[in-house]
């Protein structure tokens, strides 16, 4: 089974229902990058008439995690994955449609190869940048993912 945007969107309904209800949707994924969108709506707003930071975080994390899931599936190995740390910077109010893009597929290849070869847990920092429809950056999220072979 291939991982596609449609399958990831169905996945969110059952495994990440709050993300689905807030409007987090996969638009594109390949071995190099993933693109996730979320639109500012009543259900994901904050009191300041913009998107709540945690909703942006869900979309940003999913852009990195979806790439990680794709790479683990492609490896054919049983590998666990977990976010161990994160940070974010907010530079503009998030209104309208926000697109989060992660282009760190190559980093995952390196860390998975090392985890599979050594059998030891490995970590990798991945970045997701959120932009509004004019292309302005509204937020930048960094996630440290830990990967380890399952026994």
N, C-alpha and C. Protein backbone atom coordinates (compact mmCIF):
# COMPACT_ATOMS: atom_id res chain seq x y z
N UNK A 1 0.84 -1.18 0.00
CA UNK A 1 0.00 0.00 0.00
C UNK A 1 0.88 1.25 0.00
N UNK A 2 0.65 2.13 -0.94
CA UNK A 2 1.38 3.39 -1.02
C UNK A 2 0.75 4.42 -0.09
N UNK A 3 1.57 5.32 0.41
CA UNK A 3 1.07 6.43 1.22
C UNK A 3 0.76 7.58 0.26
N UNK A 4 -0.50 7.99 0.24
CA UNK A 4 -0.96 9.06 -0.64
C UNK A 4 -1.63 10.14 0.21
N UNK A 5 -1.82 11.35 -0.36
CA UNK A 5 -2.55 12.38 0.39
C UNK A 5 -3.93 11.90 0.85
N UNK A 6 -4.64 11.22 -0.02
CA UNK A 6 -5.98 10.73 0.34
C UNK A 6 -5.94 9.76 1.52
N UNK A 7 -4.99 8.83 1.49
CA UNK A 7 -4.87 7.86 2.58
C UNK A 7 -4.44 8.55 3.88
N UNK A 8 -3.60 9.56 3.80
CA UNK A 8 -3.20 10.29 4.99
C UNK A 8 -4.38 11.08 5.57
N UNK A 9 -5.23 11.62 4.70
CA UNK A 9 -6.41 12.35 5.19
C UNK A 9 -7.39 11.42 5.88
N UNK A 10 -7.56 10.21 5.35
CA UNK A 10 -8.41 9.21 6.02
C UNK A 10 -7.77 8.81 7.35
N UNK A 11 -6.45 8.66 7.36
CA UNK A 11 -5.72 8.33 8.58
C UNK A 11 -6.03 9.35 9.68
N UNK A 12 -6.06 10.64 9.34
CA UNK A 12 -6.31 11.66 10.35
C UNK A 12 -7.71 11.54 10.94
N UNK A 13 -8.67 11.12 10.14
CA UNK A 13 -10.04 10.96 10.67
C UNK A 13 -10.04 9.99 11.85
N UNK A 14 -9.35 8.87 11.71
CA UNK A 14 -9.39 7.82 12.72
C UNK A 14 -8.30 7.91 13.77
N UNK A 15 -7.13 8.40 13.43
CA UNK A 15 -5.99 8.42 14.36
C UNK A 15 -5.68 9.80 14.94
N UNK A 16 -6.08 10.87 14.24
CA UNK A 16 -5.84 12.24 14.70
C UNK A 16 -7.11 13.07 14.51
N UNK A 17 -8.21 12.67 15.15
CA UNK A 17 -9.49 13.33 14.87
C UNK A 17 -9.51 14.83 15.15
N UNK A 18 -8.79 15.30 16.17
CA UNK A 18 -8.78 16.75 16.43
C UNK A 18 -8.12 17.50 15.28
N UNK A 19 -7.07 16.93 14.70
CA UNK A 19 -6.43 17.57 13.54
C UNK A 19 -7.40 17.60 12.36
N UNK A 20 -8.10 16.50 12.15
CA UNK A 20 -9.06 16.46 11.04
C UNK A 20 -10.17 17.50 11.25
N UNK A 21 -10.73 17.56 12.45
CA UNK A 21 -11.80 18.51 12.72
C UNK A 21 -11.34 19.96 12.58
N UNK A 22 -10.07 20.21 12.88
CA UNK A 22 -9.53 21.57 12.74
C UNK A 22 -9.16 21.92 11.30
N UNK A 23 -9.24 20.94 10.39
CA UNK A 23 -9.02 21.22 8.97
C UNK A 23 -7.66 20.87 8.43
N UNK A 24 -6.85 20.13 9.17
CA UNK A 24 -5.52 19.74 8.70
C UNK A 24 -5.68 18.73 7.57
N UNK A 25 -5.12 19.04 6.38
CA UNK A 25 -5.25 18.16 5.21
C UNK A 25 -3.93 18.04 4.47
N UNK A 26 -3.64 16.81 4.02
CA UNK A 26 -2.44 16.57 3.21
C UNK A 26 -2.76 16.93 1.77
N UNK A 27 -1.92 17.73 1.14
CA UNK A 27 -2.10 18.11 -0.26
C UNK A 27 -1.11 17.40 -1.18
N UNK A 28 0.09 17.12 -0.66
CA UNK A 28 1.12 16.52 -1.52
C UNK A 28 2.14 15.81 -0.65
N UNK A 29 2.64 14.68 -1.15
CA UNK A 29 3.74 14.00 -0.48
C UNK A 29 4.53 13.19 -1.50
N UNK A 30 5.84 13.28 -1.40
CA UNK A 30 6.74 12.40 -2.16
C UNK A 30 7.94 12.13 -1.26
N UNK A 31 8.98 11.51 -1.79
CA UNK A 31 10.10 11.12 -0.94
C UNK A 31 10.94 12.30 -0.46
N UNK A 32 10.76 13.47 -1.03
CA UNK A 32 11.53 14.64 -0.63
C UNK A 32 10.77 15.62 0.25
N UNK A 33 9.47 15.77 0.00
CA UNK A 33 8.73 16.79 0.73
C UNK A 33 7.27 16.41 0.95
N UNK A 34 6.67 17.11 1.90
CA UNK A 34 5.23 16.97 2.12
C UNK A 34 4.64 18.37 2.30
N UNK A 35 3.40 18.49 1.86
CA UNK A 35 2.69 19.77 1.96
C UNK A 35 1.35 19.52 2.64
N UNK A 36 1.13 20.23 3.74
CA UNK A 36 -0.08 20.11 4.54
C UNK A 36 -0.72 21.49 4.62
N UNK A 37 -2.04 21.55 4.48
CA UNK A 37 -2.73 22.84 4.57
C UNK A 37 -3.73 22.82 5.72
N UNK A 38 -4.03 24.00 6.20
CA UNK A 38 -5.08 24.20 7.19
C UNK A 38 -5.61 25.62 7.00
N UNK A 39 -6.92 25.75 7.06
CA UNK A 39 -7.56 27.05 6.83
C UNK A 39 -8.09 27.60 8.14
N UNK A 40 -7.85 28.90 8.36
CA UNK A 40 -8.37 29.57 9.56
C UNK A 40 -9.90 29.54 9.52
N UNK A 41 -10.48 28.93 10.56
CA UNK A 41 -11.93 28.83 10.67
C UNK A 41 -12.33 29.05 12.13
N UNK A 42 -13.63 29.07 12.36
CA UNK A 42 -14.14 29.28 13.71
C UNK A 42 -13.57 28.24 14.69
N UNK A 43 -13.53 26.98 14.28
CA UNK A 43 -13.14 25.90 15.19
C UNK A 43 -11.66 25.94 15.58
N UNK A 44 -10.81 26.61 14.80
CA UNK A 44 -9.37 26.62 15.13
C UNK A 44 -8.85 28.03 15.42
N UNK A 45 -9.74 28.93 15.77
CA UNK A 45 -9.33 30.31 16.02
C UNK A 45 -8.88 30.54 17.47
N UNK A 46 -8.17 31.63 17.65
CA UNK A 46 -7.82 32.10 18.99
C UNK A 46 -8.60 33.41 19.24
N UNK A 47 -8.51 34.00 20.41
CA UNK A 47 -9.25 35.25 20.68
C UNK A 47 -8.76 36.46 19.88
N UNK A 48 -7.65 36.30 19.17
CA UNK A 48 -7.05 37.43 18.45
C UNK A 48 -7.35 37.39 16.95
N UNK A 49 -8.38 36.62 16.57
CA UNK A 49 -8.85 36.55 15.19
C UNK A 49 -7.82 35.96 14.23
N UNK A 50 -7.09 34.98 14.72
CA UNK A 50 -6.15 34.25 13.87
C UNK A 50 -6.15 32.79 14.32
N UNK A 51 -5.38 31.97 13.65
CA UNK A 51 -5.34 30.54 13.94
C UNK A 51 -4.56 30.27 15.23
N UNK A 52 -5.13 29.42 16.06
CA UNK A 52 -4.51 29.02 17.32
C UNK A 52 -3.16 28.36 17.04
N UNK A 53 -2.16 28.67 17.83
CA UNK A 53 -0.81 28.17 17.60
C UNK A 53 -0.76 26.64 17.59
N UNK A 54 -1.56 25.98 18.40
CA UNK A 54 -1.52 24.53 18.47
C UNK A 54 -2.04 23.88 17.19
N UNK A 55 -2.97 24.52 16.51
CA UNK A 55 -3.46 24.01 15.23
C UNK A 55 -2.35 24.11 14.19
N UNK A 56 -1.62 25.22 14.20
CA UNK A 56 -0.47 25.34 13.31
C UNK A 56 0.55 24.24 13.63
N UNK A 57 0.72 23.96 14.92
CA UNK A 57 1.65 22.92 15.33
C UNK A 57 1.23 21.54 14.85
N UNK A 58 -0.08 21.25 14.88
CA UNK A 58 -0.56 19.96 14.38
C UNK A 58 -0.24 19.80 12.90
N UNK A 59 -0.49 20.84 12.13
CA UNK A 59 -0.23 20.77 10.68
C UNK A 59 1.27 20.66 10.41
N UNK A 60 2.06 21.43 11.14
CA UNK A 60 3.51 21.40 10.95
C UNK A 60 4.08 20.04 11.34
N UNK A 61 3.65 19.51 12.49
CA UNK A 61 4.15 18.20 12.91
C UNK A 61 3.75 17.12 11.92
N UNK A 62 2.53 17.20 11.41
CA UNK A 62 2.07 16.19 10.46
C UNK A 62 2.88 16.25 9.16
N UNK A 63 3.33 17.43 8.77
CA UNK A 63 4.15 17.52 7.55
C UNK A 63 5.47 16.79 7.73
N UNK A 64 6.04 16.83 8.92
CA UNK A 64 7.28 16.10 9.17
C UNK A 64 7.00 14.62 9.42
N UNK A 65 5.96 14.34 10.18
CA UNK A 65 5.62 12.96 10.52
C UNK A 65 5.16 12.14 9.33
N UNK A 66 4.44 12.76 8.42
CA UNK A 66 3.99 12.03 7.22
C UNK A 66 5.19 11.60 6.37
N UNK A 67 6.18 12.47 6.26
CA UNK A 67 7.41 12.11 5.54
C UNK A 67 8.12 10.96 6.24
N UNK A 68 8.18 11.03 7.57
CA UNK A 68 8.82 9.97 8.34
C UNK A 68 8.08 8.65 8.13
N UNK A 69 6.76 8.65 8.17
CA UNK A 69 5.97 7.44 7.95
C UNK A 69 6.22 6.87 6.55
N UNK A 70 6.27 7.73 5.55
CA UNK A 70 6.53 7.30 4.17
C UNK A 70 7.89 6.60 4.07
N UNK A 71 8.91 7.19 4.68
CA UNK A 71 10.26 6.63 4.59
C UNK A 71 10.37 5.32 5.37
N UNK A 72 9.74 5.24 6.53
CA UNK A 72 9.78 4.01 7.30
C UNK A 72 9.09 2.88 6.54
N UNK A 73 7.93 3.18 5.94
CA UNK A 73 7.22 2.18 5.16
C UNK A 73 8.08 1.70 3.99
N UNK A 74 8.74 2.64 3.32
CA UNK A 74 9.59 2.29 2.17
C UNK A 74 10.79 1.44 2.58
N UNK A 75 11.24 1.58 3.83
CA UNK A 75 12.40 0.81 4.29
C UNK A 75 12.06 -0.67 4.46
N UNK A 76 10.79 -0.97 4.69
CA UNK A 76 10.37 -2.35 4.91
C UNK A 76 10.74 -2.87 6.29
N UNK A 77 11.24 -2.01 7.15
CA UNK A 77 11.66 -2.40 8.49
C UNK A 77 10.62 -1.93 9.52
N UNK A 78 10.68 -2.56 10.69
CA UNK A 78 9.80 -2.15 11.80
C UNK A 78 10.56 -1.11 12.63
N UNK A 79 10.17 0.13 12.48
CA UNK A 79 10.86 1.24 13.13
C UNK A 79 9.82 2.08 13.89
N UNK A 80 10.14 2.39 15.14
CA UNK A 80 9.27 3.28 15.91
C UNK A 80 9.73 4.72 15.72
N UNK A 81 8.78 5.64 15.85
CA UNK A 81 9.09 7.07 15.69
C UNK A 81 8.38 7.86 16.78
N UNK A 82 9.05 8.91 17.26
CA UNK A 82 8.50 9.71 18.35
C UNK A 82 9.11 11.10 18.32
N UNK A 83 8.27 12.12 18.51
CA UNK A 83 8.79 13.48 18.67
C UNK A 83 9.34 13.60 20.08
N UNK A 84 10.59 14.02 20.20
CA UNK A 84 11.22 14.15 21.52
C UNK A 84 11.42 15.60 21.95
N UNK A 85 11.35 16.53 20.98
CA UNK A 85 11.51 17.94 21.30
C UNK A 85 10.98 18.77 20.14
N UNK A 86 10.60 20.01 20.43
CA UNK A 86 10.20 20.91 19.35
C UNK A 86 10.33 22.35 19.79
N UNK A 87 10.34 23.24 18.80
CA UNK A 87 10.30 24.68 19.07
C UNK A 87 9.65 25.35 17.87
N UNK A 88 9.20 26.57 18.08
CA UNK A 88 8.51 27.29 17.01
C UNK A 88 8.76 28.78 17.12
N UNK A 89 8.64 29.43 15.95
CA UNK A 89 8.73 30.88 15.86
C UNK A 89 7.52 31.36 15.07
N UNK A 90 6.86 32.39 15.58
CA UNK A 90 5.68 32.94 14.91
C UNK A 90 6.00 34.36 14.46
N UNK A 91 5.79 34.63 13.16
CA UNK A 91 6.21 35.91 12.61
C UNK A 91 5.06 36.76 12.07
N UNK A 92 3.88 36.17 11.93
CA UNK A 92 2.73 36.90 11.39
C UNK A 92 1.46 36.20 11.81
N UNK A 93 0.36 36.94 11.93
CA UNK A 93 -0.92 36.31 12.24
C UNK A 93 -1.28 35.31 11.15
N UNK A 94 -1.76 34.16 11.56
CA UNK A 94 -2.15 33.12 10.61
C UNK A 94 -3.65 33.23 10.33
N UNK A 95 -3.96 33.79 9.18
CA UNK A 95 -5.36 33.89 8.74
C UNK A 95 -5.45 33.36 7.31
N UNK A 96 -6.64 32.96 6.93
CA UNK A 96 -6.80 32.38 5.60
C UNK A 96 -6.25 30.98 5.55
N UNK A 97 -5.79 30.57 4.38
CA UNK A 97 -5.23 29.23 4.20
C UNK A 97 -3.73 29.27 4.45
N UNK A 98 -3.26 28.36 5.32
CA UNK A 98 -1.84 28.28 5.65
C UNK A 98 -1.31 26.96 5.13
N UNK A 99 -0.17 27.01 4.46
CA UNK A 99 0.46 25.82 3.89
C UNK A 99 1.77 25.55 4.61
N UNK A 100 1.87 24.34 5.17
CA UNK A 100 3.10 23.92 5.85
C UNK A 100 3.85 22.96 4.94
N UNK A 101 5.12 23.25 4.73
CA UNK A 101 5.94 22.43 3.85
C UNK A 101 7.19 21.97 4.57
N UNK A 102 7.46 20.67 4.45
CA UNK A 102 8.69 20.09 4.98
C UNK A 102 9.46 19.50 3.82
N UNK A 103 10.72 19.86 3.68
CA UNK A 103 11.58 19.40 2.59
C UNK A 103 12.76 18.57 3.08
N UNK A 104 12.57 17.84 4.18
CA UNK A 104 13.68 17.16 4.83
C UNK A 104 13.73 15.65 4.57
N UNK A 105 13.19 15.20 3.46
CA UNK A 105 13.21 13.77 3.14
C UNK A 105 14.60 13.16 3.15
N UNK A 106 15.58 13.89 2.67
CA UNK A 106 16.96 13.38 2.60
C UNK A 106 17.53 13.14 4.00
N UNK A 107 17.15 13.97 4.96
CA UNK A 107 17.63 13.80 6.33
C UNK A 107 17.11 12.50 6.93
N UNK A 108 15.88 12.15 6.59
CA UNK A 108 15.28 10.92 7.11
C UNK A 108 16.01 9.71 6.56
N UNK A 109 16.37 9.75 5.29
CA UNK A 109 17.11 8.63 4.69
C UNK A 109 18.37 8.33 5.49
N UNK A 110 19.10 9.38 5.83
CA UNK A 110 20.37 9.21 6.54
C UNK A 110 20.16 8.64 7.94
N UNK A 111 19.20 9.17 8.68
CA UNK A 111 18.99 8.72 10.06
C UNK A 111 18.39 7.31 10.10
N UNK A 112 17.52 6.98 9.17
CA UNK A 112 16.96 5.63 9.14
C UNK A 112 18.03 4.60 8.81
N UNK A 113 18.88 4.93 7.85
CA UNK A 113 19.96 4.01 7.48
C UNK A 113 20.85 3.73 8.69
N UNK A 114 21.18 4.77 9.44
CA UNK A 114 22.03 4.62 10.61
C UNK A 114 21.32 3.81 11.70
N UNK A 115 20.03 4.07 11.92
CA UNK A 115 19.27 3.32 12.93
C UNK A 115 19.16 1.85 12.57
N UNK A 116 18.94 1.55 11.30
CA UNK A 116 18.82 0.17 10.84
C UNK A 116 20.16 -0.55 10.91
N UNK A 117 21.21 0.14 10.50
CA UNK A 117 22.56 -0.45 10.49
C UNK A 117 23.08 -0.73 11.90
N UNK A 118 22.93 0.25 12.79
CA UNK A 118 23.50 0.12 14.14
C UNK A 118 22.55 -0.55 15.12
N UNK A 119 21.24 -0.49 14.84
CA UNK A 119 20.26 -1.02 15.79
C UNK A 119 20.04 -0.09 16.97
N UNK A 120 20.67 1.06 16.97
CA UNK A 120 20.54 2.03 18.05
C UNK A 120 19.59 3.16 17.65
N UNK A 121 18.97 3.76 18.65
CA UNK A 121 18.09 4.89 18.40
C UNK A 121 18.86 6.07 17.83
N UNK A 122 18.22 6.81 16.96
CA UNK A 122 18.83 7.99 16.32
C UNK A 122 17.83 9.15 16.38
N UNK A 123 18.34 10.36 16.30
CA UNK A 123 17.46 11.52 16.26
C UNK A 123 17.78 12.39 15.05
N UNK A 124 16.78 13.14 14.63
CA UNK A 124 16.94 14.06 13.51
C UNK A 124 16.01 15.25 13.72
N UNK A 125 16.53 16.44 13.46
CA UNK A 125 15.71 17.66 13.51
C UNK A 125 15.13 17.91 12.12
N UNK A 126 13.83 18.15 12.07
CA UNK A 126 13.14 18.45 10.81
C UNK A 126 12.39 19.77 10.96
N UNK A 127 12.29 20.50 9.86
CA UNK A 127 11.65 21.82 9.88
C UNK A 127 10.44 21.85 8.96
N UNK A 128 9.41 22.57 9.43
CA UNK A 128 8.22 22.82 8.63
C UNK A 128 7.94 24.31 8.66
N UNK A 129 7.79 24.90 7.49
CA UNK A 129 7.56 26.34 7.38
C UNK A 129 6.13 26.57 6.92
N UNK A 130 5.40 27.40 7.66
CA UNK A 130 4.02 27.73 7.33
C UNK A 130 3.94 29.08 6.63
N UNK A 131 3.28 29.09 5.48
CA UNK A 131 3.13 30.34 4.71
C UNK A 131 1.66 30.59 4.41
N UNK A 132 1.30 31.88 4.34
CA UNK A 132 -0.06 32.23 3.96
C UNK A 132 -0.18 32.28 2.43
N UNK A 133 -1.35 32.63 1.93
CA UNK A 133 -1.56 32.56 0.48
C UNK A 133 -0.74 33.59 -0.31
N UNK A 134 -0.20 34.61 0.37
CA UNK A 134 0.66 35.58 -0.32
C UNK A 134 2.13 35.14 -0.29
N UNK A 135 2.42 34.03 0.39
CA UNK A 135 3.78 33.52 0.47
C UNK A 135 4.56 34.02 1.67
N UNK A 136 3.91 34.82 2.52
CA UNK A 136 4.58 35.31 3.73
C UNK A 136 4.66 34.19 4.76
N UNK A 137 5.80 34.07 5.42
CA UNK A 137 5.97 33.07 6.47
C UNK A 137 5.22 33.52 7.72
N UNK A 138 4.36 32.65 8.22
CA UNK A 138 3.62 32.95 9.45
C UNK A 138 4.21 32.23 10.65
N UNK A 139 4.79 31.05 10.42
CA UNK A 139 5.42 30.31 11.52
C UNK A 139 6.42 29.29 10.98
N UNK A 140 7.39 28.99 11.82
CA UNK A 140 8.39 27.97 11.50
C UNK A 140 8.49 27.04 12.69
N UNK A 141 8.30 25.76 12.45
CA UNK A 141 8.36 24.75 13.50
C UNK A 141 9.53 23.82 13.25
N UNK A 142 10.20 23.43 14.32
CA UNK A 142 11.28 22.45 14.28
C UNK A 142 10.91 21.30 15.21
N UNK A 143 11.03 20.08 14.72
CA UNK A 143 10.71 18.89 15.50
C UNK A 143 11.91 17.96 15.52
N UNK A 144 12.24 17.47 16.70
CA UNK A 144 13.28 16.46 16.82
C UNK A 144 12.57 15.10 16.89
N UNK A 145 12.82 14.29 15.87
CA UNK A 145 12.23 12.95 15.80
C UNK A 145 13.27 11.93 16.25
N UNK A 146 12.82 10.96 17.02
CA UNK A 146 13.65 9.85 17.42
C UNK A 146 13.14 8.61 16.68
N UNK A 147 14.06 7.84 16.11
CA UNK A 147 13.68 6.60 15.43
C UNK A 147 14.52 5.46 16.01
N UNK A 148 13.89 4.31 16.11
CA UNK A 148 14.58 3.15 16.69
C UNK A 148 13.96 1.87 16.11
N UNK A 149 14.80 0.91 15.85
CA UNK A 149 14.31 -0.39 15.37
C UNK A 149 13.47 -1.04 16.46
N UNK A 150 12.32 -1.61 16.04
CA UNK A 150 11.48 -2.35 16.97
C UNK A 150 12.04 -3.77 17.12
N UNK A 151 11.86 -4.34 18.26
CA UNK A 151 12.34 -5.71 18.50
C UNK A 151 11.31 -6.72 18.11
